[in-house]
């Protein structure tokens, strides 16, 4: 009977939220534990679809928004459909390649162009390139900075299903300028729900929001080919 109670106690302990279990851990330890959970979630993930909104600030005031539909299918295929700005532009990219294909006119999908991943025309206002959108890039950024920079006042909080914390990091595009990031993680899936980027003075630089996310939708491999020719059909099957 005592053994049974002991096993139940262990099981319940593993279900406690991260911020309730690690009172004796350092902020670095707790951030790295989150990174480990994100990595475990990625291992289980086969495909992913999400609306992403990027809000960019200049001198602390919003000046531009990007909205796009993001699709991913393991091991390395990406499809990005822009809604704002550049509505109708679709990008097809395979991880590791130095170029991607762009279909710039929705009404004429046969018009396709190849561009370098470093082409400034296809970078976000913050300078983020197409090959920096992968979850593994995000995960590497989180881990590398947690390990290499002092992490204090992470201020872990749980609000329903969302776990949030602060990270001290170099900028995520070039890794040069010290900044502060507030990460929001959906603890149902252990995937990002939002991140907010600030300079050292606390002035907002960028907010990225993940909406309408679907985990492991049945995405046809052909949907990631630039020659895909069925824009009226729903690409995601229930």
Protein backbone atom coordinates (compact mmCIF):
# COMPACT_ATOMS: atom_id res chain seq x y z
CA UNK A 1 0.00 0.00 0.00
CA UNK A 2 2.82 2.43 0.90
CA UNK A 3 4.53 1.67 -2.40
CA UNK A 4 1.30 2.48 -4.25
CA UNK A 5 0.94 5.82 -2.45
CA UNK A 6 4.59 6.61 -3.18
CA UNK A 7 4.12 5.96 -6.92
CA UNK A 8 0.99 8.12 -7.02
CA UNK A 9 2.88 10.95 -5.32
CA UNK A 10 5.62 10.76 -7.96
CA UNK A 11 3.05 10.81 -10.76
CA UNK A 12 1.32 13.87 -9.31
CA UNK A 13 4.64 15.68 -8.91
CA UNK A 14 5.38 15.30 -12.60
CA UNK A 15 2.08 16.99 -13.45
CA UNK A 16 2.79 20.18 -11.51
CA UNK A 17 3.41 23.29 -13.63
CA UNK A 18 7.04 24.07 -14.30
CA UNK A 19 7.05 27.26 -12.23
CA UNK A 20 5.65 25.43 -9.19
CA UNK A 21 8.21 22.60 -9.21
CA UNK A 22 11.53 24.31 -9.64
CA UNK A 23 11.67 26.62 -6.64
CA UNK A 24 15.26 25.55 -5.90
CA UNK A 25 16.44 25.86 -9.49
CA UNK A 26 18.21 28.84 -11.01
CA UNK A 27 16.57 30.87 -13.75
CA UNK A 28 19.03 29.33 -16.21
CA UNK A 29 18.01 25.81 -15.15
CA UNK A 30 14.33 26.59 -15.53
CA UNK A 31 14.78 28.18 -18.96
CA UNK A 32 16.78 25.18 -20.14
CA UNK A 33 14.07 22.87 -18.82
CA UNK A 34 11.54 24.73 -20.98
CA UNK A 35 13.90 24.35 -23.94
CA UNK A 36 14.05 20.62 -23.26
CA UNK A 37 10.26 20.37 -23.28
CA UNK A 38 10.07 22.30 -26.54
CA UNK A 39 12.61 19.93 -28.07
CA UNK A 40 10.60 16.92 -26.88
CA UNK A 41 7.48 18.43 -28.45
CA UNK A 42 9.36 18.97 -31.71
CA UNK A 43 10.42 15.32 -31.79
CA UNK A 44 6.72 14.32 -31.72
CA UNK A 45 5.74 16.91 -34.32
CA UNK A 46 5.40 15.83 -37.96
CA UNK A 47 3.68 18.89 -39.41
CA UNK A 48 2.54 22.30 -38.28
CA UNK A 49 0.32 25.13 -39.53
CA UNK A 50 -0.07 28.53 -37.93
CA UNK A 51 -0.99 32.16 -38.59
CA UNK A 52 1.91 34.39 -37.56
CA UNK A 53 1.65 38.12 -36.94
CA UNK A 54 4.77 40.23 -36.58
CA UNK A 55 4.42 43.72 -35.09
CA UNK A 56 7.44 46.00 -35.48
CA UNK A 57 8.24 49.15 -33.52
CA UNK A 58 10.36 52.21 -34.16
CA UNK A 59 11.21 54.48 -31.23
CA UNK A 60 8.68 52.50 -29.20
CA UNK A 61 5.78 53.07 -31.62
CA UNK A 62 4.30 50.53 -34.00
CA UNK A 63 5.17 51.20 -37.62
CA UNK A 64 4.51 47.96 -39.52
CA UNK A 65 2.74 44.59 -39.31
CA UNK A 66 3.41 41.38 -41.21
CA UNK A 67 0.80 38.60 -41.32
CA UNK A 68 1.41 35.25 -42.99
CA UNK A 69 0.27 31.64 -42.91
CA UNK A 70 3.14 29.32 -42.04
CA UNK A 71 3.22 25.61 -42.94
CA UNK A 72 5.91 23.10 -42.02
CA UNK A 73 6.30 19.39 -42.80
CA UNK A 74 9.18 17.23 -41.61
CA UNK A 75 11.90 16.79 -42.35
CA UNK A 76 12.60 20.13 -44.00
CA UNK A 77 9.76 21.62 -46.07
CA UNK A 78 8.24 25.09 -45.58
CA UNK A 79 5.48 27.03 -47.27
CA UNK A 80 4.76 30.67 -46.34
CA UNK A 81 1.68 32.49 -47.65
CA UNK A 82 1.72 36.25 -47.12
CA UNK A 83 -1.49 38.06 -46.16
CA UNK A 84 -0.07 41.49 -45.23
CA UNK A 85 1.87 43.09 -46.81
CA UNK A 86 2.52 41.43 -50.19
CA UNK A 87 -0.83 39.62 -50.21
CA UNK A 88 -0.74 36.67 -52.61
CA UNK A 89 3.02 36.10 -52.41
CA UNK A 90 3.94 32.50 -51.54
CA UNK A 91 7.39 31.21 -50.61
CA UNK A 92 8.59 27.61 -50.89
CA UNK A 93 11.73 26.74 -48.98
CA UNK A 94 13.69 23.60 -48.11
CA UNK A 95 15.82 23.83 -44.97
CA UNK A 96 19.54 24.05 -45.61
CA UNK A 97 19.24 25.49 -49.11
CA UNK A 98 20.69 28.90 -49.88
CA UNK A 99 17.82 29.83 -52.19
CA UNK A 100 14.04 29.62 -52.13
CA UNK A 101 11.27 29.84 -54.71
CA UNK A 102 8.75 32.68 -54.70
CA UNK A 103 5.42 32.72 -56.49
CA UNK A 104 4.74 36.48 -56.43
CA UNK A 105 1.30 36.59 -58.09
CA UNK A 106 -1.49 34.38 -56.77
CA UNK A 107 -3.46 34.64 -60.02
CA UNK A 108 -0.45 33.43 -62.02
CA UNK A 109 1.14 30.58 -60.01
CA UNK A 110 3.31 29.55 -62.96
CA UNK A 111 5.30 32.78 -62.49
CA UNK A 112 8.10 31.68 -60.17
CA UNK A 113 11.38 33.26 -59.20
CA UNK A 114 14.43 32.07 -57.25
CA UNK A 115 16.05 34.26 -54.59
CA UNK A 116 18.88 34.01 -52.11
CA UNK A 117 17.84 33.56 -48.48
CA UNK A 118 19.90 36.72 -47.84
CA UNK A 119 17.94 38.84 -50.32
CA UNK A 120 16.94 41.98 -48.36
CA UNK A 121 13.61 42.19 -50.21
CA UNK A 122 12.45 39.06 -48.36
CA UNK A 123 13.63 39.95 -44.89
CA UNK A 124 11.35 41.18 -42.14
CA UNK A 125 11.73 44.75 -40.81
CA UNK A 126 13.93 43.28 -38.04
CA UNK A 127 16.19 41.61 -40.64
CA UNK A 128 14.92 38.04 -40.12
CA UNK A 129 15.51 35.85 -43.17
CA UNK A 130 13.50 32.92 -44.52
CA UNK A 131 16.02 30.40 -43.16
CA UNK A 132 15.60 31.80 -39.62
CA UNK A 133 11.93 30.81 -39.21
CA UNK A 134 12.42 27.21 -38.17
CA UNK A 135 11.45 26.11 -34.65
CA UNK A 136 14.93 24.63 -34.30
CA UNK A 137 16.43 28.08 -34.93
CA UNK A 138 14.23 29.44 -32.14
CA UNK A 139 15.23 26.56 -29.88
CA UNK A 140 18.94 27.09 -30.54
CA UNK A 141 18.57 30.80 -29.79
CA UNK A 142 16.83 30.05 -26.50
CA UNK A 143 19.38 27.45 -25.37
CA UNK A 144 22.53 29.26 -26.49
CA UNK A 145 21.62 32.50 -24.74
CA UNK A 146 20.40 30.78 -21.56
CA UNK A 147 23.77 29.05 -21.30
CA UNK A 148 26.08 31.89 -22.34
CA UNK A 149 24.53 34.96 -20.65
CA UNK A 150 23.60 35.65 -17.02
CA UNK A 151 19.91 34.92 -16.49
CA UNK A 152 18.34 36.81 -13.60
CA UNK A 153 14.80 37.96 -12.84
CA UNK A 154 13.27 35.58 -15.38
CA UNK A 155 9.95 36.13 -13.57
CA UNK A 156 8.29 32.83 -14.48
CA UNK A 157 4.50 33.08 -14.51
CA UNK A 158 1.62 30.78 -15.42
CA UNK A 159 -1.67 32.15 -16.69
CA UNK A 160 -3.96 29.27 -17.58
CA UNK A 161 -2.21 27.27 -20.29
CA UNK A 162 0.46 29.91 -20.96
CA UNK A 163 3.85 29.90 -19.25
CA UNK A 164 5.91 33.08 -19.62
CA UNK A 165 9.40 34.19 -18.61
CA UNK A 166 12.15 36.69 -19.43
CA UNK A 167 15.32 35.83 -21.33
CA UNK A 168 18.44 37.98 -21.56
CA UNK A 169 19.88 37.46 -25.06
CA UNK A 170 21.79 38.87 -27.97
CA UNK A 171 19.52 39.92 -30.84
CA UNK A 172 18.07 36.85 -32.58
CA UNK A 173 19.01 37.95 -36.11
CA UNK A 174 22.75 38.71 -35.87
CA UNK A 175 23.53 37.78 -32.27
CA UNK A 176 25.26 41.07 -31.48
CA UNK A 177 23.14 43.52 -29.45
CA UNK A 178 22.10 42.63 -25.86
CA UNK A 179 18.31 42.64 -25.51
CA UNK A 180 15.47 41.30 -23.37
CA UNK A 181 12.78 38.87 -24.54
CA UNK A 182 9.51 37.85 -22.93
CA UNK A 183 8.54 34.36 -24.10
CA UNK A 184 5.05 32.89 -23.87
CA UNK A 185 4.83 29.11 -24.24
CA UNK A 186 1.62 27.12 -24.72
CA UNK A 187 2.05 24.38 -22.12
CA UNK A 188 -0.53 22.15 -23.85
CA UNK A 189 1.87 21.58 -26.74
CA UNK A 190 5.10 23.17 -25.43
CA UNK A 191 5.34 25.39 -28.48
CA UNK A 192 5.69 29.20 -28.69
CA UNK A 193 2.49 31.25 -28.39
CA UNK A 194 4.11 34.69 -28.46
CA UNK A 195 7.39 36.47 -27.94
CA UNK A 196 8.12 40.11 -27.25
CA UNK A 197 11.46 41.73 -27.92
CA UNK A 198 12.79 44.83 -26.08
CA UNK A 199 16.01 46.81 -25.98
CA UNK A 200 17.95 47.16 -22.73
CA UNK A 201 15.95 50.26 -21.80
CA UNK A 202 12.68 48.33 -22.09
CA UNK A 203 11.55 49.94 -25.35
CA UNK A 204 9.53 47.50 -27.50
CA UNK A 205 11.18 46.42 -30.75
CA UNK A 206 9.02 43.55 -31.98
CA UNK A 207 6.11 41.31 -30.99
CA UNK A 208 5.41 37.97 -32.69
CA UNK A 209 2.06 36.24 -32.15
CA UNK A 210 1.10 32.69 -33.14
CA UNK A 211 -2.63 32.14 -33.85
CA UNK A 212 -4.86 29.31 -35.10
CA UNK A 213 -2.09 26.76 -34.70
CA UNK A 214 -2.65 23.13 -35.72
CA UNK A 215 -0.31 20.40 -34.62
CA UNK A 216 0.28 17.43 -36.96
CA UNK A 217 -2.31 18.29 -39.62
CA UNK A 218 -2.26 15.93 -42.63
CA UNK A 219 -0.33 18.07 -45.09
CA UNK A 220 0.21 16.59 -48.56
CA UNK A 221 3.86 16.63 -49.58
CA UNK A 222 2.89 18.08 -52.97
CA UNK A 223 1.52 21.14 -51.18
CA UNK A 224 5.13 22.17 -50.50
CA UNK A 225 6.16 21.96 -54.15
CA UNK A 226 6.26 25.24 -56.05
CA UNK A 227 4.36 23.47 -58.85
CA UNK A 228 1.31 22.81 -56.64
CA UNK A 229 -1.84 23.67 -58.66
CA UNK A 230 -4.97 23.46 -56.49
CA UNK A 231 -5.43 26.80 -54.71
CA UNK A 232 -9.18 26.23 -54.19
CA UNK A 233 -8.72 23.03 -52.19
CA UNK A 234 -8.13 23.06 -48.46
CA UNK A 235 -4.56 21.76 -48.03
CA UNK A 236 -5.14 20.48 -44.51
CA UNK A 237 -7.32 17.42 -44.05
CA UNK A 238 -8.91 16.74 -40.65
